[in-house]
Amino acid sequence: MSDEDLKRKWDNEAAFAFREEKGKYEGKSEGKMEGKIEGKMESSREIATRMKADNAPVELIAKYTHLSIEEIENLP
């Protein structure tokens, strides 16, 4: 195998490894973001459920939790 062939091979391997690591990083970042969003949504639902149990107006619950009126009305 010539020096040029080896260089191409190593360059390709390095590029593949870089793309693989980049993909892992992006996947982890995306997963963390989705987890944070889901956590905030769950917290908002819990607050809305408590406010609803206290007979707070649906519009007020929506204002403070950023949930839709339909979502709030479907809560227990």
PDB file of N, CA and C in Angstrom:
ATOM      1  N   MET A   1       0.853  -1.166   0.000  1.00  0.00           N
ATOM      2  CA  MET A   1       0.000   0.000   0.000  1.00  0.00           C
ATOM      3  C   MET A   1       0.902   1.232   0.000  1.00  0.00           C
ATOM      4  N   SER A   2       0.635   2.159  -0.894  1.00  0.00           N
ATOM      5  CA  SER A   2       1.486   3.349  -1.007  1.00  0.00           C
ATOM      6  C   SER A   2       1.192   4.311   0.131  1.00  0.00           C
ATOM      7  N   ASP A   3       2.115   5.264   0.295  1.00  0.00           N
ATOM      8  CA  ASP A   3       1.925   6.286   1.326  1.00  0.00           C
ATOM      9  C   ASP A   3       0.635   7.067   1.088  1.00  0.00           C
ATOM     10  N   GLU A   4       0.352   7.369  -0.160  1.00  0.00           N
ATOM     11  CA  GLU A   4      -0.867   8.122  -0.505  1.00  0.00           C
ATOM     12  C   GLU A   4      -2.119   7.314  -0.143  1.00  0.00           C
ATOM     13  N   ASP A   5      -2.113   6.025  -0.395  1.00  0.00           N
ATOM     14  CA  ASP A   5      -3.240   5.153  -0.048  1.00  0.00           C
ATOM     15  C   ASP A   5      -3.439   5.095   1.468  1.00  0.00           C
ATOM     16  N   LEU A   6      -2.323   4.997   2.185  1.00  0.00           N
ATOM     17  CA  LEU A   6      -2.401   4.988   3.652  1.00  0.00           C
ATOM     18  C   LEU A   6      -2.975   6.299   4.182  1.00  0.00           C
ATOM     19  N   LYS A   7      -2.509   7.394   3.605  1.00  0.00           N
ATOM     20  CA  LYS A   7      -3.014   8.706   4.035  1.00  0.00           C
ATOM     21  C   LYS A   7      -4.513   8.789   3.811  1.00  0.00           C
ATOM     22  N   ARG A   8      -4.997   8.367   2.645  1.00  0.00           N
ATOM     23  CA  ARG A   8      -6.426   8.387   2.348  1.00  0.00           C
ATOM     24  C   ARG A   8      -7.200   7.515   3.336  1.00  0.00           C
ATOM     25  N   LYS A   9      -6.639   6.349   3.606  1.00  0.00           N
ATOM     26  CA  LYS A   9      -7.293   5.423   4.535  1.00  0.00           C
ATOM     27  C   LYS A   9      -7.405   6.063   5.920  1.00  0.00           C
ATOM     28  N   TRP A  10      -6.315   6.636   6.403  1.00  0.00           N
ATOM     29  CA  TRP A  10      -6.322   7.251   7.724  1.00  0.00           C
ATOM     30  C   TRP A  10      -7.243   8.466   7.766  1.00  0.00           C
ATOM     31  N   ASP A  11      -7.240   9.242   6.696  1.00  0.00           N
ATOM     32  CA  ASP A  11      -8.140  10.395   6.627  1.00  0.00           C
ATOM     33  C   ASP A  11      -9.599   9.946   6.683  1.00  0.00           C
ATOM     34  N   ASN A  12      -9.925   8.914   5.947  1.00  0.00           N
ATOM     35  CA  ASN A  12     -11.291   8.390   5.957  1.00  0.00           C
ATOM     36  C   ASN A  12     -11.679   7.862   7.335  1.00  0.00           C
ATOM     37  N   GLU A  13     -10.758   7.148   7.973  1.00  0.00           N
ATOM     38  CA  GLU A  13     -11.028   6.622   9.309  1.00  0.00           C
ATOM     39  C   GLU A  13     -11.215   7.755  10.313  1.00  0.00           C
ATOM     40  N   ALA A  14     -10.392   8.773  10.208  1.00  0.00           N
ATOM     41  CA  ALA A  14     -10.508   9.921  11.113  1.00  0.00           C
ATOM     42  C   ALA A  14     -11.823  10.655  10.881  1.00  0.00           C
ATOM     43  N   ALA A  15     -12.203  10.829   9.632  1.00  0.00           N
ATOM     44  CA  ALA A  15     -13.460  11.509   9.313  1.00  0.00           C
ATOM     45  C   ALA A  15     -14.642  10.703   9.838  1.00  0.00           C
ATOM     46  N   PHE A  16     -14.607   9.399   9.673  1.00  0.00           N
ATOM     47  CA  PHE A  16     -15.676   8.538  10.173  1.00  0.00           C
ATOM     48  C   PHE A  16     -15.771   8.639  11.690  1.00  0.00           C
ATOM     49  N   ALA A  17     -14.630   8.564  12.377  1.00  0.00           N
ATOM     50  CA  ALA A  17     -14.614   8.645  13.842  1.00  0.00           C
ATOM     51  C   ALA A  17     -15.159   9.989  14.310  1.00  0.00           C
ATOM     52  N   PHE A  18     -14.793  11.066  13.598  1.00  0.00           N
ATOM     53  CA  PHE A  18     -15.286  12.399  13.957  1.00  0.00           C
ATOM     54  C   PHE A  18     -16.801  12.462  13.816  1.00  0.00           C
ATOM     55  N   ARG A  19     -17.338  11.961  12.687  1.00  0.00           N
ATOM     56  CA  ARG A  19     -18.786  11.982  12.470  1.00  0.00           C
ATOM     57  C   ARG A  19     -19.512  11.152  13.519  1.00  0.00           C
ATOM     58  N   GLU A  20     -18.911  10.032  13.886  1.00  0.00           N
ATOM     59  CA  GLU A  20     -19.514   9.162  14.893  1.00  0.00           C
ATOM     60  C   GLU A  20     -19.575   9.871  16.248  1.00  0.00           C
ATOM     61  N   GLU A  21     -18.472  10.485  16.651  1.00  0.00           N
ATOM     62  CA  GLU A  21     -18.442  11.215  17.925  1.00  0.00           C
ATOM     63  C   GLU A  21     -19.389  12.405  17.902  1.00  0.00           C
ATOM     64  N   LYS A  22     -19.426  13.111  16.783  1.00  0.00           N
ATOM     65  CA  LYS A  22     -20.318  14.255  16.647  1.00  0.00           C
ATOM     66  C   LYS A  22     -21.773  13.787  16.776  1.00  0.00           C
ATOM     67  N   GLY A  23     -22.097  12.670  16.153  1.00  0.00           N
ATOM     68  CA  GLY A  23     -23.445  12.123  16.235  1.00  0.00           C
ATOM     69  C   GLY A  23     -23.829  11.750  17.658  1.00  0.00           C
ATOM     70  N   LYS A  24     -22.888  11.140  18.382  1.00  0.00           N
ATOM     71  CA  LYS A  24     -23.138  10.782  19.784  1.00  0.00           C
ATOM     72  C   LYS A  24     -23.394  12.035  20.616  1.00  0.00           C
ATOM     73  N   TYR A  25     -22.559  13.048  20.421  1.00  0.00           N
ATOM     74  CA  TYR A  25     -22.708  14.299  21.169  1.00  0.00           C
ATOM     75  C   TYR A  25     -24.056  14.948  20.876  1.00  0.00           C
ATOM     76  N   GLU A  26     -24.408  15.024  19.593  1.00  0.00           N
ATOM     77  CA  GLU A  26     -25.683  15.641  19.217  1.00  0.00           C
ATOM     78  C   GLU A  26     -26.853  14.845  19.778  1.00  0.00           C
ATOM     79  N   GLY A  27     -26.743  13.528  19.770  1.00  0.00           N
ATOM     80  CA  GLY A  27     -27.797  12.684  20.321  1.00  0.00           C
ATOM     81  C   GLY A  27     -27.971  12.903  21.809  1.00  0.00           C
ATOM     82  N   LYS A  28     -26.855  12.982  22.531  1.00  0.00           N
ATOM     83  CA  LYS A  28     -26.920  13.233  23.970  1.00  0.00           C
ATOM     84  C   LYS A  28     -27.515  14.612  24.249  1.00  0.00           C
ATOM     85  N   SER A  29     -27.081  15.610  23.496  1.00  0.00           N
ATOM     86  CA  SER A  29     -27.594  16.966  23.693  1.00  0.00           C
ATOM     87  C   SER A  29     -29.090  17.024  23.439  1.00  0.00           C
ATOM     88  N   GLU A  30     -29.516  16.367  22.365  1.00  0.00           N
ATOM     89  CA  GLU A  30     -30.944  16.348  22.035  1.00  0.00           C
ATOM     90  C   GLU A  30     -31.736  15.635  23.129  1.00  0.00           C
ATOM     91  N   GLY A  31     -31.209  14.544  23.625  1.00  0.00           N
ATOM     92  CA  GLY A  31     -31.876  13.797  24.689  1.00  0.00           C
ATOM     93  C   GLY A  31     -32.000  14.607  25.966  1.00  0.00           C
ATOM     94  N   LYS A  32     -30.947  15.333  26.307  1.00  0.00           N
ATOM     95  CA  LYS A  32     -30.985  16.170  27.499  1.00  0.00           C
ATOM     96  C   LYS A  32     -32.030  17.268  27.342  1.00  0.00           C
ATOM     97  N   MET A  33     -32.082  17.888  26.163  1.00  0.00           N
ATOM     98  CA  MET A  33     -33.040  18.951  25.912  1.00  0.00           C
ATOM     99  C   MET A  33     -34.466  18.424  26.021  1.00  0.00           C
ATOM    100  N   GLU A  34     -34.720  17.269  25.403  1.00  0.00           N
ATOM    101  CA  GLU A  34     -36.056  16.675  25.466  1.00  0.00           C
ATOM    102  C   GLU A  34     -36.431  16.347  26.908  1.00  0.00           C
ATOM    103  N   GLY A  35     -35.476  15.861  27.685  1.00  0.00           N
ATOM    104  CA  GLY A  35     -35.719  15.551  29.086  1.00  0.00           C
ATOM    105  C   GLY A  35     -36.074  16.787  29.893  1.00  0.00           C
ATOM    106  N   LYS A  36     -35.357  17.877  29.648  1.00  0.00           N
ATOM    107  CA  LYS A  36     -35.651  19.120  30.357  1.00  0.00           C
ATOM    108  C   LYS A  36     -37.041  19.636  30.008  1.00  0.00           C
ATOM    109  N   ILE A  37     -37.377  19.594  28.739  1.00  0.00           N
ATOM    110  CA  ILE A  37     -38.686  20.068  28.299  1.00  0.00           C
ATOM    111  C   ILE A  37     -39.788  19.215  28.916  1.00  0.00           C
ATOM    112  N   GLU A  38     -39.618  17.901  28.870  1.00  0.00           N
ATOM    113  CA  GLU A  38     -40.621  17.005  29.442  1.00  0.00           C
ATOM    114  C   GLU A  38     -40.758  17.232  30.944  1.00  0.00           C
ATOM    115  N   GLY A  39     -39.644  17.462  31.620  1.00  0.00           N
ATOM    116  CA  GLY A  39     -39.675  17.755  33.054  1.00  0.00           C
ATOM    117  C   GLY A  39     -40.442  19.031  33.359  1.00  0.00           C
ATOM    118  N   LYS A  40     -40.224  20.058  32.571  1.00  0.00           N
ATOM    119  CA  LYS A  40     -40.940  21.323  32.772  1.00  0.00           C
ATOM    120  C   LYS A  40     -42.427  21.149  32.495  1.00  0.00           C
ATOM    121  N   MET A  41     -42.748  20.376  31.458  1.00  0.00           N
ATOM    122  CA  MET A  41     -44.159  20.148  31.133  1.00  0.00           C
ATOM    123  C   MET A  41     -44.845  19.372  32.255  1.00  0.00           C
ATOM    124  N   GLU A  42     -44.161  18.375  32.796  1.00  0.00           N
ATOM    125  CA  GLU A  42     -44.731  17.587  33.891  1.00  0.00           C
ATOM    126  C   GLU A  42     -44.952  18.464  35.114  1.00  0.00           C
ATOM    127  N   SER A  43     -44.004  19.336  35.392  1.00  0.00           N
ATOM    128  CA  SER A  43     -44.144  20.267  36.509  1.00  0.00           C
ATOM    129  C   SER A  43     -45.340  21.195  36.288  1.00  0.00           C
ATOM    130  N   SER A  44     -45.488  21.700  35.074  1.00  0.00           N
ATOM    131  CA  SER A  44     -46.624  22.573  34.752  1.00  0.00           C
ATOM    132  C   SER A  44     -47.941  21.835  34.925  1.00  0.00           C
ATOM    133  N   ARG A  45     -47.986  20.571  34.506  1.00  0.00           N
ATOM    134  CA  ARG A  45     -49.216  19.776  34.668  1.00  0.00           C
ATOM    135  C   ARG A  45     -49.552  19.574  36.152  1.00  0.00           C
ATOM    136  N   GLU A  46     -48.533  19.321  36.959  1.00  0.00           N
ATOM    137  CA  GLU A  46     -48.755  19.132  38.395  1.00  0.00           C
ATOM    138  C   GLU A  46     -49.288  20.407  39.032  1.00  0.00           C
ATOM    139  N   ILE A  47     -48.705  21.531  38.685  1.00  0.00           N
ATOM    140  CA  ILE A  47     -49.167  22.818  39.216  1.00  0.00           C
ATOM    141  C   ILE A  47     -50.596  23.084  38.757  1.00  0.00           C
ATOM    142  N   ALA A  48     -50.862  22.841  37.485  1.00  0.00           N
ATOM    143  CA  ALA A  48     -52.210  23.069  36.946  1.00  0.00           C
ATOM    144  C   ALA A  48     -53.231  22.179  37.642  1.00  0.00           C
ATOM    145  N   THR A  49     -52.863  20.946  37.921  1.00  0.00           N
ATOM    146  CA  THR A  49     -53.780  20.023  38.599  1.00  0.00           C
ATOM    147  C   THR A  49     -54.116  20.549  39.986  1.00  0.00           C
ATOM    148  N   ARG A  50     -53.108  21.045  40.696  1.00  0.00           N
ATOM    149  CA  ARG A  50     -53.359  21.598  42.040  1.00  0.00           C
ATOM    150  C   ARG A  50     -54.201  22.863  41.966  1.00  0.00           C
ATOM    151  N   MET A  51     -53.910  23.727  41.011  1.00  0.00           N
ATOM    152  CA  MET A  51     -54.686  24.962  40.861  1.00  0.00           C
ATOM    153  C   MET A  51     -56.140  24.641  40.495  1.00  0.00           C
ATOM    154  N   LYS A  52     -56.304  23.656  39.630  1.00  0.00           N
ATOM    155  CA  LYS A  52     -57.642  23.255  39.212  1.00  0.00           C
ATOM    156  C   LYS A  52     -58.420  22.701  40.410  1.00  0.00           C
ATOM    157  N   ALA A  53     -57.739  21.930  41.259  1.00  0.00           N
ATOM    158  CA  ALA A  53     -58.377  21.384  42.462  1.00  0.00           C
ATOM    159  C   ALA A  53     -58.804  22.507  43.414  1.00  0.00           C
ATOM    160  N   ASP A  54     -58.101  23.626  43.368  1.00  0.00           N
ATOM    161  CA  ASP A  54     -58.448  24.793  44.195  1.00  0.00           C
ATOM    162  C   ASP A  54     -59.450  25.703  43.498  1.00  0.00           C
ATOM    163  N   ASN A  55     -59.990  25.233  42.357  1.00  0.00           N
ATOM    164  CA  ASN A  55     -61.001  25.972  41.588  1.00  0.00           C
ATOM    165  C   ASN A  55     -60.497  27.290  41.013  1.00  0.00           C
ATOM    166  N   ALA A  56     -59.209  27.353  40.668  1.00  0.00           N
ATOM    167  CA  ALA A  56     -58.671  28.543  40.009  1.00  0.00           C
ATOM    168  C   ALA A  56     -59.251  28.610  38.598  1.00  0.00           C
ATOM    169  N   PRO A  57     -59.499  29.812  38.087  1.00  0.00           N
ATOM    170  CA  PRO A  57     -60.011  29.943  36.717  1.00  0.00           C
ATOM    171  C   PRO A  57     -59.029  29.344  35.698  1.00  0.00           C
ATOM    172  N   VAL A  58     -59.579  28.666  34.708  1.00  0.00           N
ATOM    173  CA  VAL A  58     -58.763  27.997  33.699  1.00  0.00           C
ATOM    174  C   VAL A  58     -57.840  28.992  32.997  1.00  0.00           C
ATOM    175  N   GLU A  59     -58.310  30.191  32.732  1.00  0.00           N
ATOM    176  CA  GLU A  59     -57.485  31.196  32.061  1.00  0.00           C
ATOM    177  C   GLU A  59     -56.263  31.563  32.908  1.00  0.00           C
ATOM    178  N   LEU A  60     -56.461  31.627  34.226  1.00  0.00           N
ATOM    179  CA  LEU A  60     -55.352  31.943  35.128  1.00  0.00           C
ATOM    180  C   LEU A  60     -54.338  30.792  35.150  1.00  0.00           C
ATOM    181  N   ILE A  61     -54.847  29.575  35.186  1.00  0.00           N
ATOM    182  CA  ILE A  61     -53.963  28.410  35.161  1.00  0.00           C
ATOM    183  C   ILE A  61     -53.137  28.418  33.874  1.00  0.00           C
ATOM    184  N   ALA A  62     -53.788  28.690  32.768  1.00  0.00           N
ATOM    185  CA  ALA A  62     -53.093  28.731  31.476  1.00  0.00           C
ATOM    186  C   ALA A  62     -52.014  29.813  31.473  1.00  0.00           C
ATOM    187  N   LYS A  63     -52.336  30.944  32.059  1.00  0.00           N
ATOM    188  CA  LYS A  63     -51.380  32.058  32.092  1.00  0.00           C
ATOM    189  C   LYS A  63     -50.100  31.682  32.833  1.00  0.00           C
ATOM    190  N   TYR A  64     -50.239  31.001  33.950  1.00  0.00           N
ATOM    191  CA  TYR A  64     -49.074  30.706  34.778  1.00  0.00           C
ATOM    192  C   TYR A  64     -48.360  29.399  34.425  1.00  0.00           C
ATOM    193  N   THR A  65     -49.047  28.487  33.770  1.00  0.00           N
ATOM    194  CA  THR A  65     -48.414  27.211  33.445  1.00  0.00           C
ATOM    195  C   THR A  65     -48.032  27.090  31.974  1.00  0.00           C
ATOM    196  N   HIS A  66     -48.553  27.987  31.147  1.00  0.00           N
ATOM    197  CA  HIS A  66     -48.323  27.965  29.701  1.00  0.00           C
ATOM    198  C   HIS A  66     -48.900  26.709  29.047  1.00  0.00           C
ATOM    199  N   LEU A  67     -49.870  26.083  29.701  1.00  0.00           N
ATOM    200  CA  LEU A  67     -50.586  24.960  29.106  1.00  0.00           C
ATOM    201  C   LEU A  67     -51.794  25.500  28.360  1.00  0.00           C
ATOM    202  N   SER A  68     -52.249  24.745  27.378  1.00  0.00           N
ATOM    203  CA  SER A  68     -53.449  25.176  26.659  1.00  0.00           C
ATOM    204  C   SER A  68     -54.679  24.929  27.534  1.00  0.00           C
ATOM    205  N   ILE A  69     -55.736  25.665  27.263  1.00  0.00           N
ATOM    206  CA  ILE A  69     -56.985  25.503  28.003  1.00  0.00           C
ATOM    207  C   ILE A  69     -57.496  24.062  27.838  1.00  0.00           C
ATOM    208  N   GLU A  70     -57.393  23.540  26.638  1.00  0.00           N
ATOM    209  CA  GLU A  70     -57.838  22.161  26.380  1.00  0.00           C
ATOM    210  C   GLU A  70     -57.048  21.177  27.230  1.00  0.00           C
ATOM    211  N   GLU A  71     -55.731  21.382  27.319  1.00  0.00           N
ATOM    212  CA  GLU A  71     -54.895  20.496  28.121  1.00  0.00           C
ATOM    213  C   GLU A  71     -55.292  20.563  29.593  1.00  0.00           C
ATOM    214  N   ILE A  72     -55.569  21.762  30.076  1.00  0.00           N
ATOM    215  CA  ILE A  72     -55.953  21.955  31.472  1.00  0.00           C
ATOM    216  C   ILE A  72     -57.314  21.292  31.733  1.00  0.00           C
ATOM    217  N   GLU A  73     -58.237  21.452  30.834  1.00  0.00           N
ATOM    218  CA  GLU A  73     -59.557  20.862  31.020  1.00  0.00           C
ATOM    219  C   GLU A  73     -59.489  19.335  31.033  1.00  0.00           C
ATOM    220  N   ASN A  74     -58.489  18.738  30.398  1.00  0.00           N
ATOM    221  CA  ASN A  74     -58.349  17.279  30.384  1.00  0.00           C
ATOM    222  C   ASN A  74     -57.596  16.718  31.581  1.00  0.00           C
ATOM    223  N   LEU A  75     -57.115  17.600  32.451  1.00  0.00           N
ATOM    224  CA  LEU A  75     -56.422  17.137  33.646  1.00  0.00           C
ATOM    225  C   LEU A  75     -57.440  16.630  34.671  1.00  0.00           C
ATOM    226  N   PRO A  76     -57.005  15.735  35.555  1.00  0.00           N
ATOM    227  CA  PRO A  76     -57.948  15.219  36.579  1.00  0.00           C
ATOM    228  C   PRO A  76     -58.364  16.281  37.577  1.00  0.00           C
TER     229      PRO A  76
END
